[in-house]
Amino acid sequence: MAEYDAVTPPERDKFKQPPYPPALNATCTEGTVVVQVILTERGVPISPHNLTRDANPILVYSAFEALRDWRFKPARLGGEPVKVFYNLAVNFKSPWCQG
């Protein structure tokens, strides 16, 4: 056994791409929001924090709302589930402004 066991990373288990916010339809705002969360030992994302500088607040809100329903297979250390920080990217593309 190594002096330090490696953490097995979490895996996305339940995920649904958040819908494009209707409030932005007229602006064609698109982008990626990078969010840092804590994944609990049960794979539940908590305490979201926006890491994207100058992100549109409506996109950030939409990403945070989507996270409520996301679930992960938890990270493991020595075979036991552990709480970890996790960064994830949520991409938004306007369905109306593709050109």
N, C-alpha and C. Protein backbone atom coordinates (compact mmCIF):
# COMPACT_ATOMS: atom_id res chain seq x y z
N MET A 1 0.84 -1.18 0.00
CA MET A 1 0.00 0.00 0.00
C MET A 1 0.89 1.24 0.00
N ALA A 2 0.54 2.18 -0.83
CA ALA A 2 1.29 3.42 -0.91
C ALA A 2 1.08 4.25 0.35
N GLU A 3 2.01 5.15 0.60
CA GLU A 3 1.88 6.01 1.77
C GLU A 3 0.62 6.85 1.67
N TYR A 4 0.29 7.28 0.46
CA TYR A 4 -0.93 8.06 0.25
C TYR A 4 -1.76 7.36 -0.81
N ASP A 5 -3.00 7.06 -0.47
CA ASP A 5 -3.91 6.48 -1.46
C ASP A 5 -4.41 7.60 -2.37
N ALA A 6 -4.61 7.26 -3.61
CA ALA A 6 -5.15 8.22 -4.57
C ALA A 6 -6.67 8.28 -4.40
N VAL A 7 -7.20 9.44 -4.62
CA VAL A 7 -8.65 9.61 -4.60
C VAL A 7 -9.19 9.20 -5.95
N THR A 8 -10.17 8.32 -5.95
CA THR A 8 -10.87 7.96 -7.17
C THR A 8 -11.85 9.09 -7.47
N PRO A 9 -11.75 9.71 -8.64
CA PRO A 9 -12.59 10.87 -8.91
C PRO A 9 -14.08 10.51 -9.00
N PRO A 10 -14.94 11.49 -8.75
CA PRO A 10 -16.37 11.26 -8.88
C PRO A 10 -16.74 11.08 -10.35
N GLU A 11 -17.89 10.47 -10.58
CA GLU A 11 -18.41 10.30 -11.94
C GLU A 11 -19.83 10.84 -11.98
N ARG A 12 -20.12 11.52 -13.08
CA ARG A 12 -21.47 12.06 -13.25
C ARG A 12 -22.44 10.89 -13.38
N ASP A 13 -23.51 10.92 -12.62
CA ASP A 13 -24.48 9.84 -12.61
C ASP A 13 -25.83 10.30 -13.17
N LYS A 14 -26.32 11.42 -12.68
CA LYS A 14 -27.59 11.98 -13.14
C LYS A 14 -27.33 13.40 -13.58
N PHE A 15 -27.67 13.71 -14.83
CA PHE A 15 -27.32 15.00 -15.40
C PHE A 15 -28.34 15.38 -16.46
N LYS A 16 -28.73 16.62 -16.46
CA LYS A 16 -29.58 17.15 -17.52
C LYS A 16 -29.04 18.52 -17.88
N GLN A 17 -28.74 18.71 -19.16
CA GLN A 17 -28.25 20.02 -19.62
C GLN A 17 -29.30 21.08 -19.29
N PRO A 18 -28.90 22.16 -18.64
CA PRO A 18 -29.90 23.20 -18.34
C PRO A 18 -30.40 23.83 -19.62
N PRO A 19 -31.67 24.20 -19.63
CA PRO A 19 -32.21 24.86 -20.82
C PRO A 19 -31.61 26.25 -20.99
N TYR A 20 -31.57 26.70 -22.22
CA TYR A 20 -31.12 28.06 -22.49
C TYR A 20 -32.12 29.03 -21.87
N PRO A 21 -31.66 30.01 -21.11
CA PRO A 21 -32.58 30.94 -20.43
C PRO A 21 -33.38 31.78 -21.44
N PRO A 22 -34.71 31.71 -21.42
CA PRO A 22 -35.53 32.49 -22.35
C PRO A 22 -35.27 33.99 -22.26
N ALA A 23 -34.85 34.48 -21.10
CA ALA A 23 -34.59 35.91 -20.93
C ALA A 23 -33.46 36.39 -21.84
N LEU A 24 -32.65 35.46 -22.36
CA LEU A 24 -31.51 35.85 -23.20
C LEU A 24 -31.75 35.60 -24.69
N ASN A 25 -32.94 35.17 -25.05
CA ASN A 25 -33.22 34.86 -26.46
C ASN A 25 -32.90 36.02 -27.40
N ALA A 26 -33.25 37.23 -27.00
CA ALA A 26 -33.05 38.39 -27.88
C ALA A 26 -31.58 38.82 -27.97
N THR A 27 -30.77 38.41 -27.02
CA THR A 27 -29.38 38.88 -26.98
C THR A 27 -28.39 37.89 -27.60
N CYS A 28 -28.82 36.67 -27.82
CA CYS A 28 -27.94 35.62 -28.36
C CYS A 28 -26.70 35.41 -27.49
N THR A 29 -26.83 35.63 -26.20
CA THR A 29 -25.72 35.44 -25.27
C THR A 29 -25.42 33.95 -25.14
N GLU A 30 -24.15 33.60 -25.35
CA GLU A 30 -23.73 32.22 -25.21
C GLU A 30 -22.47 32.19 -24.35
N GLY A 31 -22.12 31.04 -23.87
CA GLY A 31 -20.89 30.94 -23.11
C GLY A 31 -20.84 29.71 -22.23
N THR A 32 -19.74 29.63 -21.52
CA THR A 32 -19.50 28.53 -20.58
C THR A 32 -19.38 29.12 -19.19
N VAL A 33 -20.06 28.50 -18.26
CA VAL A 33 -19.96 28.89 -16.86
C VAL A 33 -19.22 27.77 -16.14
N VAL A 34 -18.11 28.11 -15.49
CA VAL A 34 -17.36 27.13 -14.71
C VAL A 34 -17.77 27.31 -13.25
N VAL A 35 -18.19 26.20 -12.67
CA VAL A 35 -18.72 26.23 -11.31
C VAL A 35 -17.89 25.28 -10.45
N GLN A 36 -17.52 25.74 -9.27
CA GLN A 36 -16.89 24.86 -8.30
C GLN A 36 -17.94 24.49 -7.27
N VAL A 37 -18.05 23.20 -6.98
CA VAL A 37 -18.98 22.72 -5.96
C VAL A 37 -18.24 21.81 -5.00
N ILE A 38 -18.87 21.56 -3.90
CA ILE A 38 -18.44 20.48 -3.02
C ILE A 38 -19.36 19.31 -3.33
N LEU A 39 -18.78 18.15 -3.63
CA LEU A 39 -19.58 16.94 -3.79
C LEU A 39 -19.53 16.18 -2.48
N THR A 40 -20.71 15.94 -1.92
CA THR A 40 -20.77 15.24 -0.64
C THR A 40 -20.43 13.76 -0.81
N GLU A 41 -20.36 13.08 0.29
CA GLU A 41 -20.09 11.64 0.28
C GLU A 41 -21.21 10.87 -0.42
N ARG A 42 -22.35 11.50 -0.60
CA ARG A 42 -23.48 10.87 -1.30
C ARG A 42 -23.56 11.31 -2.76
N GLY A 43 -22.61 12.15 -3.20
CA GLY A 43 -22.59 12.59 -4.59
C GLY A 43 -23.50 13.75 -4.90
N VAL A 44 -23.88 14.50 -3.88
CA VAL A 44 -24.76 15.65 -4.05
C VAL A 44 -23.91 16.92 -4.13
N PRO A 45 -24.08 17.74 -5.19
CA PRO A 45 -23.33 19.00 -5.27
C PRO A 45 -23.93 20.05 -4.34
N ILE A 46 -23.06 20.67 -3.53
CA ILE A 46 -23.51 21.73 -2.62
C ILE A 46 -22.55 22.91 -2.74
N SER A 47 -22.98 24.04 -2.23
CA SER A 47 -22.16 25.25 -2.15
C SER A 47 -21.54 25.66 -3.48
N PRO A 48 -22.36 25.86 -4.52
CA PRO A 48 -21.78 26.25 -5.82
C PRO A 48 -21.14 27.63 -5.76
N HIS A 49 -20.06 27.76 -6.51
CA HIS A 49 -19.32 29.02 -6.58
C HIS A 49 -18.93 29.25 -8.05
N ASN A 50 -19.29 30.40 -8.59
CA ASN A 50 -18.96 30.72 -9.97
C ASN A 50 -17.48 31.07 -10.09
N LEU A 51 -16.78 30.40 -11.02
CA LEU A 51 -15.37 30.67 -11.25
C LEU A 51 -15.12 31.45 -12.54
N THR A 52 -16.19 31.73 -13.29
CA THR A 52 -16.05 32.39 -14.59
C THR A 52 -16.11 33.90 -14.41
N ARG A 53 -15.01 34.55 -14.72
CA ARG A 53 -14.95 36.00 -14.62
C ARG A 53 -15.88 36.61 -15.66
N ASP A 54 -16.61 37.62 -15.30
CA ASP A 54 -17.50 38.35 -16.19
C ASP A 54 -18.59 37.48 -16.82
N ALA A 55 -18.99 36.42 -16.14
CA ALA A 55 -20.07 35.57 -16.65
C ALA A 55 -21.40 36.31 -16.55
N ASN A 56 -22.25 36.06 -17.53
CA ASN A 56 -23.59 36.64 -17.50
C ASN A 56 -24.33 36.06 -16.27
N PRO A 57 -24.87 36.91 -15.40
CA PRO A 57 -25.51 36.41 -14.18
C PRO A 57 -26.70 35.49 -14.45
N ILE A 58 -27.38 35.68 -15.57
CA ILE A 58 -28.52 34.81 -15.89
C ILE A 58 -28.02 33.40 -16.22
N LEU A 59 -26.88 33.31 -16.92
CA LEU A 59 -26.31 32.00 -17.21
C LEU A 59 -25.82 31.32 -15.92
N VAL A 60 -25.21 32.10 -15.05
CA VAL A 60 -24.74 31.56 -13.77
C VAL A 60 -25.93 31.02 -12.98
N TYR A 61 -26.98 31.80 -12.90
CA TYR A 61 -28.18 31.37 -12.17
C TYR A 61 -28.74 30.07 -12.77
N SER A 62 -28.82 30.01 -14.08
CA SER A 62 -29.34 28.82 -14.75
C SER A 62 -28.47 27.59 -14.45
N ALA A 63 -27.15 27.78 -14.45
CA ALA A 63 -26.24 26.68 -14.13
C ALA A 63 -26.44 26.22 -12.68
N PHE A 64 -26.55 27.16 -11.76
CA PHE A 64 -26.77 26.82 -10.35
C PHE A 64 -28.08 26.06 -10.17
N GLU A 65 -29.12 26.51 -10.85
CA GLU A 65 -30.42 25.84 -10.75
C GLU A 65 -30.35 24.41 -11.27
N ALA A 66 -29.64 24.20 -12.38
CA ALA A 66 -29.51 22.86 -12.94
C ALA A 66 -28.80 21.92 -11.97
N LEU A 67 -27.84 22.44 -11.24
CA LEU A 67 -27.08 21.61 -10.31
C LEU A 67 -27.93 21.00 -9.21
N ARG A 68 -29.07 21.57 -8.94
CA ARG A 68 -29.95 21.04 -7.90
C ARG A 68 -30.31 19.58 -8.17
N ASP A 69 -30.41 19.22 -9.44
CA ASP A 69 -30.83 17.87 -9.81
C ASP A 69 -29.69 16.94 -10.22
N TRP A 70 -28.48 17.46 -10.32
CA TRP A 70 -27.36 16.62 -10.74
C TRP A 70 -26.92 15.74 -9.56
N ARG A 71 -26.50 14.51 -9.91
CA ARG A 71 -25.95 13.60 -8.91
C ARG A 71 -24.72 12.92 -9.48
N PHE A 72 -23.81 12.56 -8.59
CA PHE A 72 -22.55 11.95 -8.97
C PHE A 72 -22.33 10.68 -8.16
N LYS A 73 -21.59 9.75 -8.75
CA LYS A 73 -21.06 8.65 -7.96
C LYS A 73 -19.92 9.29 -7.19
N PRO A 74 -19.91 9.15 -5.87
CA PRO A 74 -18.96 9.93 -5.08
C PRO A 74 -17.50 9.55 -5.32
N ALA A 75 -16.64 10.51 -5.02
CA ALA A 75 -15.20 10.24 -5.00
C ALA A 75 -14.94 9.26 -3.87
N ARG A 76 -13.85 8.49 -4.02
CA ARG A 76 -13.53 7.50 -2.99
C ARG A 76 -12.05 7.57 -2.62
N LEU A 77 -11.82 7.34 -1.36
CA LEU A 77 -10.46 7.26 -0.84
C LEU A 77 -10.38 6.01 0.01
N GLY A 78 -9.51 5.09 -0.37
CA GLY A 78 -9.43 3.82 0.35
C GLY A 78 -10.73 3.04 0.29
N GLY A 79 -11.47 3.22 -0.80
CA GLY A 79 -12.74 2.51 -0.98
C GLY A 79 -13.93 3.17 -0.31
N GLU A 80 -13.70 4.20 0.48
CA GLU A 80 -14.79 4.89 1.19
C GLU A 80 -15.15 6.19 0.48
N PRO A 81 -16.45 6.52 0.40
CA PRO A 81 -16.84 7.80 -0.21
C PRO A 81 -16.32 8.98 0.61
N VAL A 82 -15.85 10.01 -0.11
CA VAL A 82 -15.32 11.21 0.55
C VAL A 82 -15.88 12.46 -0.12
N LYS A 83 -15.89 13.53 0.65
CA LYS A 83 -16.30 14.84 0.15
C LYS A 83 -15.13 15.46 -0.59
N VAL A 84 -15.40 16.07 -1.77
CA VAL A 84 -14.33 16.69 -2.56
C VAL A 84 -14.82 17.99 -3.19
N PHE A 85 -13.86 18.87 -3.52
CA PHE A 85 -14.16 20.00 -4.38
C PHE A 85 -14.15 19.50 -5.81
N TYR A 86 -15.03 20.05 -6.64
CA TYR A 86 -15.14 19.59 -8.02
C TYR A 86 -15.48 20.78 -8.91
N ASN A 87 -14.73 20.96 -9.99
CA ASN A 87 -15.02 22.02 -10.96
C ASN A 87 -15.71 21.41 -12.17
N LEU A 88 -16.75 22.07 -12.63
CA LEU A 88 -17.45 21.58 -13.81
C LEU A 88 -17.84 22.75 -14.69
N ALA A 89 -17.96 22.47 -15.98
CA ALA A 89 -18.31 23.50 -16.96
C ALA A 89 -19.72 23.23 -17.48
N VAL A 90 -20.50 24.30 -17.57
CA VAL A 90 -21.85 24.23 -18.13
C VAL A 90 -21.86 25.13 -19.35
N ASN A 91 -22.15 24.55 -20.51
CA ASN A 91 -22.13 25.29 -21.77
C ASN A 91 -23.55 25.72 -22.16
N PHE A 92 -23.65 26.95 -22.62
CA PHE A 92 -24.93 27.49 -23.07
C PHE A 92 -24.79 27.97 -24.51
N LYS A 93 -25.66 27.46 -25.37
CA LYS A 93 -25.74 27.90 -26.77
C LYS A 93 -27.19 28.28 -27.06
N SER A 94 -27.37 29.42 -27.68
CA SER A 94 -28.72 29.88 -28.02
C SER A 94 -29.30 29.03 -29.15
N PRO A 95 -30.50 28.49 -28.95
CA PRO A 95 -31.13 27.73 -30.03
C PRO A 95 -31.66 28.63 -31.14
N TRP A 96 -31.73 29.94 -30.89
CA TRP A 96 -32.34 30.87 -31.84
C TRP A 96 -31.32 31.64 -32.66
N CYS A 97 -30.08 31.66 -32.24
CA CYS A 97 -29.11 32.55 -32.86
C CYS A 97 -27.95 31.81 -33.53
N GLN A 98 -28.14 30.59 -33.88
CA GLN A 98 -27.08 29.85 -34.55
C GLN A 98 -26.91 30.39 -35.96
N GLY A 99 -25.72 30.66 -36.34
CA GLY A 99 -25.53 31.27 -37.63
C GLY A 99 -24.46 30.71 -38.38
